[in-house]
């Protein structure tokens, strides 16, 4: 079996110590990195949760606004429908009134024509009478 010299043994001990120190340093660096990683992850998680809350709040506000717009649109539609119904009724009344007025105008025109004919007839008769009277007077 190989026997190690004391100086070799001491050198190996020093090397092992050096490697242990390196391992400890690397473990510390790894631990620090892990802590930073977990800290960052927690911060990101908090940010994501906050963004999620903001998005939900904004979404709810938009949904509420959408409901308000739909309600107002329905109110406006109902109002416009009532106005249209009222205007349609008024238009129909005007059309009927116009028809009545037209009939009255036609009747008045017929009456005037009839009166004109009667007047012309009476004028002719009067002229005939006047001629007869003049002829009688001569």
Protein backbone atom coordinates (compact mmCIF):
# COMPACT_ATOMS: atom_id res chain seq x y z
CA UNK A 1 0.00 0.00 0.00
CA UNK A 2 1.12 3.49 -0.77
CA UNK A 3 1.99 5.63 2.16
CA UNK A 4 1.52 9.28 1.79
CA UNK A 5 4.14 11.59 2.96
CA UNK A 6 3.15 14.12 5.50
CA UNK A 7 3.86 16.98 3.12
CA UNK A 8 1.63 15.40 0.49
CA UNK A 9 -1.00 14.91 3.09
CA UNK A 10 -0.77 18.54 4.11
CA UNK A 11 -0.97 19.64 0.49
CA UNK A 12 -4.06 17.51 -0.04
CA UNK A 13 -5.59 18.94 3.12
CA UNK A 14 -4.91 22.43 1.86
CA UNK A 15 -6.40 21.56 -1.53
CA UNK A 16 -9.46 20.03 0.14
CA UNK A 17 -9.77 23.16 2.28
CA UNK A 18 -9.48 25.31 -0.79
CA UNK A 19 -12.14 23.25 -2.57
CA UNK A 20 -14.37 23.33 0.51
CA UNK A 21 -13.98 27.11 0.54
CA UNK A 22 -14.88 27.26 -3.15
CA UNK A 23 -17.87 24.99 -2.54
CA UNK A 24 -18.98 27.22 0.36
CA UNK A 25 -18.55 30.34 -1.77
CA UNK A 26 -20.54 28.77 -4.62
CA UNK A 27 -23.21 27.57 -2.20
CA UNK A 28 -23.45 31.10 -0.78
CA UNK A 29 -23.70 32.55 -4.30
CA UNK A 30 -26.35 29.97 -5.16
CA UNK A 31 -28.24 30.77 -1.97
CA UNK A 32 -28.04 34.50 -2.75
CA UNK A 33 -29.24 33.87 -6.30
CA UNK A 34 -32.06 31.71 -4.99
CA UNK A 35 -33.07 34.45 -2.55
CA UNK A 36 -32.99 37.05 -5.34
CA UNK A 37 -34.95 34.69 -7.59
CA UNK A 38 -37.63 34.08 -4.95
CA UNK A 39 -37.78 37.79 -4.09
CA UNK A 40 -38.19 38.67 -7.76
CA UNK A 41 -40.78 35.93 -8.21
CA UNK A 42 -42.76 37.26 -5.25
CA UNK A 43 -42.54 40.81 -6.62
CA UNK A 44 -43.67 39.64 -10.07
CA UNK A 45 -46.46 37.61 -8.47
CA UNK A 46 -47.62 40.73 -6.58
CA UNK A 47 -47.42 42.81 -9.75
CA UNK A 48 -49.38 40.21 -11.71
CA UNK A 49 -52.02 40.04 -8.99
CA UNK A 50 -52.28 43.86 -8.95
CA UNK A 51 -52.56 43.96 -12.74
CA UNK A 52 -55.19 41.23 -12.59
CA UNK A 53 -57.20 43.28 -10.06
CA UNK A 54 -56.86 46.39 -12.22
CA UNK A 55 -57.99 44.46 -15.29
CA UNK A 56 -60.99 43.04 -13.41
CA UNK A 57 -61.88 46.51 -12.12
CA UNK A 58 -61.57 47.98 -15.61
CA UNK A 59 -63.56 45.08 -17.07
CA UNK A 60 -66.32 45.56 -14.49
CA UNK A 61 -66.39 49.29 -15.19
CA UNK A 62 -66.69 48.57 -18.92
CA UNK A 63 -69.45 46.04 -18.32
CA UNK A 64 -71.32 48.54 -16.16
CA UNK A 65 -70.88 51.26 -18.80
CA UNK A 66 -72.09 48.80 -21.44
CA UNK A 67 -75.23 48.09 -19.39
CA UNK A 68 -75.83 51.83 -18.96
CA UNK A 69 -75.39 52.40 -22.69
CA UNK A 70 -77.79 49.55 -23.50
CA UNK A 71 -80.35 50.91 -21.04
CA UNK A 72 -80.03 54.44 -22.43
CA UNK A 73 -80.24 53.08 -25.98
CA UNK A 74 -83.45 51.24 -25.09
CA UNK A 75 -84.88 54.38 -23.49
CA UNK A 76 -83.93 56.40 -26.58
CA UNK A 77 -85.38 53.74 -28.88
CA UNK A 78 -88.63 53.67 -26.90
CA UNK A 79 -88.82 57.46 -27.00
CA UNK A 80 -88.13 57.56 -30.74
CA UNK A 81 -90.69 54.81 -31.31
CA UNK A 82 -93.30 56.84 -29.41
CA UNK A 83 -92.39 59.94 -31.41
CA UNK A 84 -92.65 57.97 -34.65
CA UNK A 85 -96.04 56.58 -33.62
CA UNK A 86 -97.27 60.07 -32.69
CA UNK A 87 -95.95 61.58 -35.94
CA UNK A 88 -97.47 58.74 -37.96
CA UNK A 89 -100.80 59.37 -36.25
CA UNK A 90 -100.53 63.11 -36.93
CA UNK A 91 -99.59 62.42 -40.56
CA UNK A 92 -102.59 60.12 -40.97
CA UNK A 93 -104.84 62.76 -39.41
CA UNK A 94 -103.42 65.34 -41.80
CA UNK A 95 -104.00 63.02 -44.75
CA UNK A 96 -107.62 62.50 -43.66
CA UNK A 97 -108.08 66.23 -43.07
CA UNK A 98 -106.61 66.91 -46.51
CA UNK A 99 -109.03 64.42 -48.08
CA UNK A 100 -111.98 66.09 -46.33
CA UNK A 101 -110.79 69.53 -47.38
CA UNK A 102 -110.35 68.31 -50.95
CA UNK A 103 -113.88 66.89 -50.94
CA UNK A 104 -115.19 70.16 -49.54
CA UNK A 105 -113.25 72.07 -52.18
CA UNK A 106 -114.62 69.78 -54.90
CA UNK A 107 -118.15 70.24 -53.55
CA UNK A 108 -117.64 73.99 -53.35
CA UNK A 109 -116.34 73.98 -56.92
CA UNK A 110 -119.37 72.01 -58.06
CA UNK A 111 -121.66 74.39 -56.17
CA UNK A 112 -119.95 77.39 -57.75
CA UNK A 113 -120.23 75.82 -61.18
CA UNK A 114 -123.88 75.08 -60.53
CA UNK A 115 -124.52 78.62 -59.27
CA UNK A 116 -122.71 80.05 -62.28
CA UNK A 117 -124.93 78.02 -64.57
CA UNK A 118 -128.03 79.16 -62.67
CA UNK A 119 -126.84 82.75 -62.79
CA UNK A 120 -126.15 82.49 -66.52
CA UNK A 121 -129.58 80.95 -67.01
CA UNK A 122 -131.21 83.72 -65.01
CA UNK A 123 -129.25 86.34 -66.94
CA UNK A 124 -130.40 84.86 -70.21
CA UNK A 125 -133.96 84.76 -68.98
CA UNK A 126 -133.64 88.34 -67.74
CA UNK A 127 -132.18 89.41 -71.07
CA UNK A 128 -135.02 87.63 -72.84
CA UNK A 129 -137.55 89.41 -70.65
CA UNK A 130 -135.81 92.73 -71.27
CA UNK A 131 -135.93 92.12 -75.02
CA UNK A 132 -139.56 91.18 -74.86
CA UNK A 133 -140.32 94.27 -72.83
CA UNK A 134 -138.39 96.43 -75.27
CA UNK A 135 -140.03 94.80 -78.16
CA UNK A 136 -143.41 95.30 -76.55
CA UNK A 137 -142.62 98.95 -75.86
CA UNK A 138 -141.82 99.66 -79.49
